[in-house]
Amino acid sequence: MRNVSTGAAQDNLSLEKIRIFDFLVPDKETMQLFTRITNPMFLQMKNLLVTNENLRQARDLLLPRLMNGSIAV
């Protein structure tokens, strides 16, 4: 795909270029099983990313206060 996606100014992988490739497409049952198994993982990843961002913000707010002594430990 990389060979057919190069362009003069910018790389581009258009539908016409993709159509020359054969793709295996799983049946509906396999796709549903995959979705059922992976959805909880993706939700957990999203929750962990949000939690990490909240913790990062709390750290950035509290660390300067701890360093200058305005908050006692």
PDB file of N, CA and C in Angstrom:
ATOM      1  N   MET A   1       0.830  -1.188   0.000  1.00  0.00           N
ATOM      2  CA  MET A   1       0.000   0.000   0.000  1.00  0.00           C
ATOM      3  C   MET A   1       0.874   1.250   0.000  1.00  0.00           C
ATOM      4  N   ARG A   2       1.982   1.158   0.698  1.00  0.00           N
ATOM      5  CA  ARG A   2       2.854   2.323   0.770  1.00  0.00           C
ATOM      6  C   ARG A   2       3.350   2.713  -0.620  1.00  0.00           C
ATOM      7  N   ASN A   3       3.614   1.725  -1.474  1.00  0.00           N
ATOM      8  CA  ASN A   3       4.122   2.013  -2.815  1.00  0.00           C
ATOM      9  C   ASN A   3       3.107   2.746  -3.680  1.00  0.00           C
ATOM     10  N   VAL A   4       1.818   2.438  -3.526  1.00  0.00           N
ATOM     11  CA  VAL A   4       0.805   3.078  -4.369  1.00  0.00           C
ATOM     12  C   VAL A   4       0.256   4.360  -3.759  1.00  0.00           C
ATOM     13  N   SER A   5       0.630   4.659  -2.519  1.00  0.00           N
ATOM     14  CA  SER A   5       0.065   5.845  -1.875  1.00  0.00           C
ATOM     15  C   SER A   5       0.959   7.078  -1.985  1.00  0.00           C
ATOM     16  N   THR A   6       2.108   6.963  -2.607  1.00  0.00           N
ATOM     17  CA  THR A   6       2.991   8.121  -2.705  1.00  0.00           C
ATOM     18  C   THR A   6       2.487   9.081  -3.771  1.00  0.00           C
ATOM     19  N   GLY A   7       2.599  10.355  -3.468  1.00  0.00           N
ATOM     20  CA  GLY A   7       2.174  11.393  -4.398  1.00  0.00           C
ATOM     21  C   GLY A   7       3.265  12.424  -4.565  1.00  0.00           C
ATOM     22  N   ALA A   8       3.076  13.333  -5.502  1.00  0.00           N
ATOM     23  CA  ALA A   8       4.082  14.359  -5.771  1.00  0.00           C
ATOM     24  C   ALA A   8       4.191  15.338  -4.609  1.00  0.00           C
ATOM     25  N   ALA A   9       3.063  15.823  -4.128  1.00  0.00           N
ATOM     26  CA  ALA A   9       3.087  16.814  -3.049  1.00  0.00           C
ATOM     27  C   ALA A   9       2.770  16.183  -1.698  1.00  0.00           C
ATOM     28  N   GLN A  10       1.878  15.187  -1.703  1.00  0.00           N
ATOM     29  CA  GLN A  10       1.422  14.597  -0.447  1.00  0.00           C
ATOM     30  C   GLN A  10       1.012  13.164  -0.710  1.00  0.00           C
ATOM     31  N   ASP A  11       1.288  12.269   0.241  1.00  0.00           N
ATOM     32  CA  ASP A  11       0.861  10.886   0.092  1.00  0.00           C
ATOM     33  C   ASP A  11      -0.656  10.804   0.150  1.00  0.00           C
ATOM     34  N   ASN A  12      -1.215   9.893  -0.652  1.00  0.00           N
ATOM     35  CA  ASN A  12      -2.658   9.783  -0.756  1.00  0.00           C
ATOM     36  C   ASN A  12      -3.011   8.333  -1.061  1.00  0.00           C
ATOM     37  N   LEU A  13      -3.914   7.764  -0.288  1.00  0.00           N
ATOM     38  CA  LEU A  13      -4.390   6.418  -0.526  1.00  0.00           C
ATOM     39  C   LEU A  13      -5.887   6.509  -0.805  1.00  0.00           C
ATOM     40  N   SER A  14      -6.224   6.632  -2.072  1.00  0.00           N
ATOM     41  CA  SER A  14      -7.622   6.822  -2.469  1.00  0.00           C
ATOM     42  C   SER A  14      -8.325   5.478  -2.648  1.00  0.00           C
ATOM     43  N   LEU A  15      -9.636   5.531  -2.800  1.00  0.00           N
ATOM     44  CA  LEU A  15     -10.417   4.311  -3.020  1.00  0.00           C
ATOM     45  C   LEU A  15      -9.975   3.574  -4.276  1.00  0.00           C
ATOM     46  N   GLU A  16      -9.655   4.309  -5.317  1.00  0.00           N
ATOM     47  CA  GLU A  16      -9.216   3.654  -6.556  1.00  0.00           C
ATOM     48  C   GLU A  16      -7.947   2.842  -6.316  1.00  0.00           C
ATOM     49  N   LYS A  17      -7.052   3.383  -5.511  1.00  0.00           N
ATOM     50  CA  LYS A  17      -5.803   2.686  -5.229  1.00  0.00           C
ATOM     51  C   LYS A  17      -6.015   1.493  -4.303  1.00  0.00           C
ATOM     52  N   ILE A  18      -6.968   1.591  -3.401  1.00  0.00           N
ATOM     53  CA  ILE A  18      -7.237   0.500  -2.465  1.00  0.00           C
ATOM     54  C   ILE A  18      -7.917  -0.671  -3.175  1.00  0.00           C
ATOM     55  N   ARG A  19      -8.698  -0.399  -4.191  1.00  0.00           N
ATOM     56  CA  ARG A  19      -9.462  -1.452  -4.883  1.00  0.00           C
ATOM     57  C   ARG A  19      -8.586  -2.496  -5.553  1.00  0.00           C
ATOM     58  N   ILE A  20      -7.314  -2.211  -5.758  1.00  0.00           N
ATOM     59  CA  ILE A  20      -6.454  -3.209  -6.403  1.00  0.00           C
ATOM     60  C   ILE A  20      -6.042  -4.312  -5.429  1.00  0.00           C
ATOM     61  N   PHE A  21      -6.290  -4.117  -4.133  1.00  0.00           N
ATOM     62  CA  PHE A  21      -5.912  -5.098  -3.123  1.00  0.00           C
ATOM     63  C   PHE A  21      -7.090  -5.982  -2.756  1.00  0.00           C
ATOM     64  N   ASP A  22      -6.790  -7.234  -2.438  1.00  0.00           N
ATOM     65  CA  ASP A  22      -7.798  -8.155  -1.924  1.00  0.00           C
ATOM     66  C   ASP A  22      -7.762  -8.115  -0.403  1.00  0.00           C
ATOM     67  N   PHE A  23      -8.926  -8.007   0.217  1.00  0.00           N
ATOM     68  CA  PHE A  23      -9.031  -7.982   1.670  1.00  0.00           C
ATOM     69  C   PHE A  23      -9.911  -9.126   2.127  1.00  0.00           C
ATOM     70  N   LEU A  24      -9.525  -9.734   3.238  1.00  0.00           N
ATOM     71  CA  LEU A  24     -10.380 -10.725   3.869  1.00  0.00           C
ATOM     72  C   LEU A  24     -11.325  -9.990   4.805  1.00  0.00           C
ATOM     73  N   VAL A  25     -12.604 -10.227   4.639  1.00  0.00           N
ATOM     74  CA  VAL A  25     -13.607  -9.579   5.477  1.00  0.00           C
ATOM     75  C   VAL A  25     -14.270 -10.666   6.308  1.00  0.00           C
ATOM     76  N   PRO A  26     -14.214 -10.555   7.629  1.00  0.00           N
ATOM     77  CA  PRO A  26     -14.820 -11.589   8.472  1.00  0.00           C
ATOM     78  C   PRO A  26     -16.342 -11.575   8.361  1.00  0.00           C
ATOM     79  N   ASP A  27     -16.937 -12.713   8.655  1.00  0.00           N
ATOM     80  CA  ASP A  27     -18.393 -12.801   8.617  1.00  0.00           C
ATOM     81  C   ASP A  27     -18.983 -12.010   9.782  1.00  0.00           C
ATOM     82  N   LYS A  28     -20.285 -11.789   9.725  1.00  0.00           N
ATOM     83  CA  LYS A  28     -20.978 -10.945  10.706  1.00  0.00           C
ATOM     84  C   LYS A  28     -20.836 -11.500  12.121  1.00  0.00           C
ATOM     85  N   GLU A  29     -20.927 -12.803  12.272  1.00  0.00           N
ATOM     86  CA  GLU A  29     -20.829 -13.425  13.599  1.00  0.00           C
ATOM     87  C   GLU A  29     -19.440 -13.184  14.220  1.00  0.00           C
ATOM     88  N   THR A  30     -18.406 -13.317  13.418  1.00  0.00           N
ATOM     89  CA  THR A  30     -17.045 -13.082  13.907  1.00  0.00           C
ATOM     90  C   THR A  30     -16.866 -11.625  14.309  1.00  0.00           C
ATOM     91  N   MET A  31     -17.408 -10.717  13.518  1.00  0.00           N
ATOM     92  CA  MET A  31     -17.308  -9.293  13.844  1.00  0.00           C
ATOM     93  C   MET A  31     -18.050  -8.971  15.136  1.00  0.00           C
ATOM     94  N   GLN A  32     -19.213  -9.569  15.326  1.00  0.00           N
ATOM     95  CA  GLN A  32     -19.973  -9.338  16.552  1.00  0.00           C
ATOM     96  C   GLN A  32     -19.240  -9.886  17.768  1.00  0.00           C
ATOM     97  N   LEU A  33     -18.624 -11.057  17.623  1.00  0.00           N
ATOM     98  CA  LEU A  33     -17.856 -11.643  18.708  1.00  0.00           C
ATOM     99  C   LEU A  33     -16.660 -10.767  19.048  1.00  0.00           C
ATOM    100  N   PHE A  34     -15.963 -10.294  18.032  1.00  0.00           N
ATOM    101  CA  PHE A  34     -14.826  -9.404  18.235  1.00  0.00           C
ATOM    102  C   PHE A  34     -15.262  -8.142  18.981  1.00  0.00           C
ATOM    103  N   THR A  35     -16.373  -7.563  18.547  1.00  0.00           N
ATOM    104  CA  THR A  35     -16.877  -6.343  19.177  1.00  0.00           C
ATOM    105  C   THR A  35     -17.262  -6.593  20.623  1.00  0.00           C
ATOM    106  N   ARG A  36     -17.921  -7.707  20.879  1.00  0.00           N
ATOM    107  CA  ARG A  36     -18.348  -8.033  22.236  1.00  0.00           C
ATOM    108  C   ARG A  36     -17.140  -8.233  23.158  1.00  0.00           C
ATOM    109  N   ILE A  37     -16.070  -8.807  22.635  1.00  0.00           N
ATOM    110  CA  ILE A  37     -14.878  -9.046  23.448  1.00  0.00           C
ATOM    111  C   ILE A  37     -14.066  -7.768  23.651  1.00  0.00           C
ATOM    112  N   THR A  38     -13.942  -6.960  22.613  1.00  0.00           N
ATOM    113  CA  THR A  38     -13.039  -5.804  22.684  1.00  0.00           C
ATOM    114  C   THR A  38     -13.687  -4.532  23.234  1.00  0.00           C
ATOM    115  N   ASN A  39     -14.989  -4.386  23.150  1.00  0.00           N
ATOM    116  CA  ASN A  39     -15.635  -3.164  23.645  1.00  0.00           C
ATOM    117  C   ASN A  39     -15.299  -2.860  25.102  1.00  0.00           C
ATOM    118  N   PRO A  40     -15.375  -3.843  26.014  1.00  0.00           N
ATOM    119  CA  PRO A  40     -15.004  -3.537  27.398  1.00  0.00           C
ATOM    120  C   PRO A  40     -13.548  -3.059  27.521  1.00  0.00           C
ATOM    121  N   MET A  41     -12.667  -3.589  26.685  1.00  0.00           N
ATOM    122  CA  MET A  41     -11.262  -3.169  26.719  1.00  0.00           C
ATOM    123  C   MET A  41     -11.123  -1.713  26.285  1.00  0.00           C
ATOM    124  N   PHE A  42     -11.811  -1.349  25.227  1.00  0.00           N
ATOM    125  CA  PHE A  42     -11.745   0.029  24.746  1.00  0.00           C
ATOM    126  C   PHE A  42     -12.375   1.002  25.748  1.00  0.00           C
ATOM    127  N   LEU A  43     -13.457   0.595  26.391  1.00  0.00           N
ATOM    128  CA  LEU A  43     -14.069   1.434  27.426  1.00  0.00           C
ATOM    129  C   LEU A  43     -13.114   1.617  28.603  1.00  0.00           C
ATOM    130  N   GLN A  44     -12.423   0.547  28.989  1.00  0.00           N
ATOM    131  CA  GLN A  44     -11.452   0.643  30.081  1.00  0.00           C
ATOM    132  C   GLN A  44     -10.303   1.568  29.701  1.00  0.00           C
ATOM    133  N   MET A  45      -9.840   1.472  28.454  1.00  0.00           N
ATOM    134  CA  MET A  45      -8.779   2.361  27.980  1.00  0.00           C
ATOM    135  C   MET A  45      -9.223   3.817  28.058  1.00  0.00           C
ATOM    136  N   LYS A  46     -10.453   4.081  27.630  1.00  0.00           N
ATOM    137  CA  LYS A  46     -10.982   5.445  27.672  1.00  0.00           C
ATOM    138  C   LYS A  46     -11.056   5.948  29.108  1.00  0.00           C
ATOM    139  N   ASN A  47     -11.561   5.115  30.014  1.00  0.00           N
ATOM    140  CA  ASN A  47     -11.659   5.499  31.420  1.00  0.00           C
ATOM    141  C   ASN A  47     -10.285   5.767  32.029  1.00  0.00           C
ATOM    142  N   LEU A  48      -9.310   4.948  31.680  1.00  0.00           N
ATOM    143  CA  LEU A  48      -7.960   5.144  32.207  1.00  0.00           C
ATOM    144  C   LEU A  48      -7.334   6.420  31.665  1.00  0.00           C
ATOM    145  N   LEU A  49      -7.590   6.742  30.405  1.00  0.00           N
ATOM    146  CA  LEU A  49      -7.077   7.988  29.845  1.00  0.00           C
ATOM    147  C   LEU A  49      -7.670   9.200  30.553  1.00  0.00           C
ATOM    148  N   VAL A  50      -8.970   9.157  30.820  1.00  0.00           N
ATOM    149  CA  VAL A  50      -9.627  10.263  31.532  1.00  0.00           C
ATOM    150  C   VAL A  50      -9.080  10.365  32.956  1.00  0.00           C
ATOM    151  N   THR A  51      -8.920   9.229  33.623  1.00  0.00           N
ATOM    152  CA  THR A  51      -8.372   9.219  34.984  1.00  0.00           C
ATOM    153  C   THR A  51      -6.957   9.773  35.001  1.00  0.00           C
ATOM    154  N   ASN A  52      -6.132   9.370  34.040  1.00  0.00           N
ATOM    155  CA  ASN A  52      -4.758   9.878  33.966  1.00  0.00           C
ATOM    156  C   ASN A  52      -4.735  11.386  33.768  1.00  0.00           C
ATOM    157  N   GLU A  53      -5.618  11.889  32.930  1.00  0.00           N
ATOM    158  CA  GLU A  53      -5.671  13.333  32.702  1.00  0.00           C
ATOM    159  C   GLU A  53      -6.083  14.068  33.981  1.00  0.00           C
ATOM    160  N   ASN A  54      -7.062  13.528  34.683  1.00  0.00           N
ATOM    161  CA  ASN A  54      -7.481  14.139  35.953  1.00  0.00           C
ATOM    162  C   ASN A  54      -6.350  14.129  36.976  1.00  0.00           C
ATOM    163  N   LEU A  55      -5.627  13.021  37.054  1.00  0.00           N
ATOM    164  CA  LEU A  55      -4.494  12.941  37.969  1.00  0.00           C
ATOM    165  C   LEU A  55      -3.380  13.904  37.571  1.00  0.00           C
ATOM    166  N   ARG A  56      -3.148  14.048  36.288  1.00  0.00           N
ATOM    167  CA  ARG A  56      -2.129  14.978  35.801  1.00  0.00           C
ATOM    168  C   ARG A  56      -2.482  16.414  36.204  1.00  0.00           C
ATOM    169  N   GLN A  57      -3.750  16.769  36.039  1.00  0.00           N
ATOM    170  CA  GLN A  57      -4.185  18.117  36.413  1.00  0.00           C
ATOM    171  C   GLN A  57      -4.059  18.340  37.914  1.00  0.00           C
ATOM    172  N   ALA A  58      -4.412  17.331  38.712  1.00  0.00           N
ATOM    173  CA  ALA A  58      -4.286  17.455  40.170  1.00  0.00           C
ATOM    174  C   ALA A  58      -2.822  17.614  40.559  1.00  0.00           C
ATOM    175  N   ARG A  59      -1.945  16.841  39.945  1.00  0.00           N
ATOM    176  CA  ARG A  59      -0.512  16.962  40.221  1.00  0.00           C
ATOM    177  C   ARG A  59      -0.006  18.357  39.888  1.00  0.00           C
ATOM    178  N   ASP A  60      -0.386  18.849  38.713  1.00  0.00           N
ATOM    179  CA  ASP A  60       0.086  20.166  38.289  1.00  0.00           C
ATOM    180  C   ASP A  60      -0.445  21.280  39.186  1.00  0.00           C
ATOM    181  N   LEU A  61      -1.601  21.072  39.789  1.00  0.00           N
ATOM    182  CA  LEU A  61      -2.160  22.060  40.701  1.00  0.00           C
ATOM    183  C   LEU A  61      -1.501  21.986  42.079  1.00  0.00           C
ATOM    184  N   LEU A  62      -1.270  20.766  42.567  1.00  0.00           N
ATOM    185  CA  LEU A  62      -0.779  20.597  43.938  1.00  0.00           C
ATOM    186  C   LEU A  62       0.737  20.696  44.069  1.00  0.00           C
ATOM    187  N   LEU A  63       1.475  20.238  43.093  1.00  0.00           N
ATOM    188  CA  LEU A  63       2.930  20.201  43.233  1.00  0.00           C
ATOM    189  C   LEU A  63       3.551  21.566  43.508  1.00  0.00           C
ATOM    190  N   PRO A  64       3.188  22.611  42.797  1.00  0.00           N
ATOM    191  CA  PRO A  64       3.776  23.918  43.120  1.00  0.00           C
ATOM    192  C   PRO A  64       3.449  24.370  44.548  1.00  0.00           C
ATOM    193  N   ARG A  65       2.254  24.079  45.013  1.00  0.00           N
ATOM    194  CA  ARG A  65       1.864  24.448  46.375  1.00  0.00           C
ATOM    195  C   ARG A  65       2.658  23.678  47.418  1.00  0.00           C
ATOM    196  N   LEU A  66       2.927  22.397  47.127  1.00  0.00           N
ATOM    197  CA  LEU A  66       3.737  21.606  48.042  1.00  0.00           C
ATOM    198  C   LEU A  66       5.176  22.106  48.066  1.00  0.00           C
ATOM    199  N   MET A  67       5.680  22.478  46.899  1.00  0.00           N
ATOM    200  CA  MET A  67       7.066  22.919  46.803  1.00  0.00           C
ATOM    201  C   MET A  67       7.302  24.257  47.522  1.00  0.00           C
ATOM    202  N   ASN A  68       6.327  25.172  47.469  1.00  0.00           N
ATOM    203  CA  ASN A  68       6.541  26.477  48.117  1.00  0.00           C
ATOM    204  C   ASN A  68       6.055  26.492  49.573  1.00  0.00           C
ATOM    205  N   GLY A  69       5.522  25.366  50.047  1.00  0.00           N
ATOM    206  CA  GLY A  69       5.163  25.251  51.459  1.00  0.00           C
ATOM    207  C   GLY A  69       3.794  25.768  51.815  1.00  0.00           C
ATOM    208  N   SER A  70       2.975  26.158  50.824  1.00  0.00           N
ATOM    209  CA  SER A  70       1.646  26.660  51.155  1.00  0.00           C
ATOM    210  C   SER A  70       0.687  25.527  51.543  1.00  0.00           C
ATOM    211  N   ILE A  71       1.067  24.286  51.241  1.00  0.00           N
ATOM    212  CA  ILE A  71       0.294  23.121  51.680  1.00  0.00           C
ATOM    213  C   ILE A  71       1.226  22.250  52.513  1.00  0.00           C
ATOM    214  N   ALA A  72       0.814  21.909  53.712  1.00  0.00           N
ATOM    215  CA  ALA A  72       1.608  21.039  54.569  1.00  0.00           C
ATOM    216  C   ALA A  72       1.271  19.588  54.270  1.00  0.00           C
ATOM    217  N   VAL A  73       2.256  18.757  54.378  1.00  0.00           N
ATOM    218  CA  VAL A  73       2.048  17.318  54.121  1.00  0.00           C
ATOM    219  C   VAL A  73       1.694  16.621  55.396  1.00  0.00           C
TER     220      VAL A  73
END
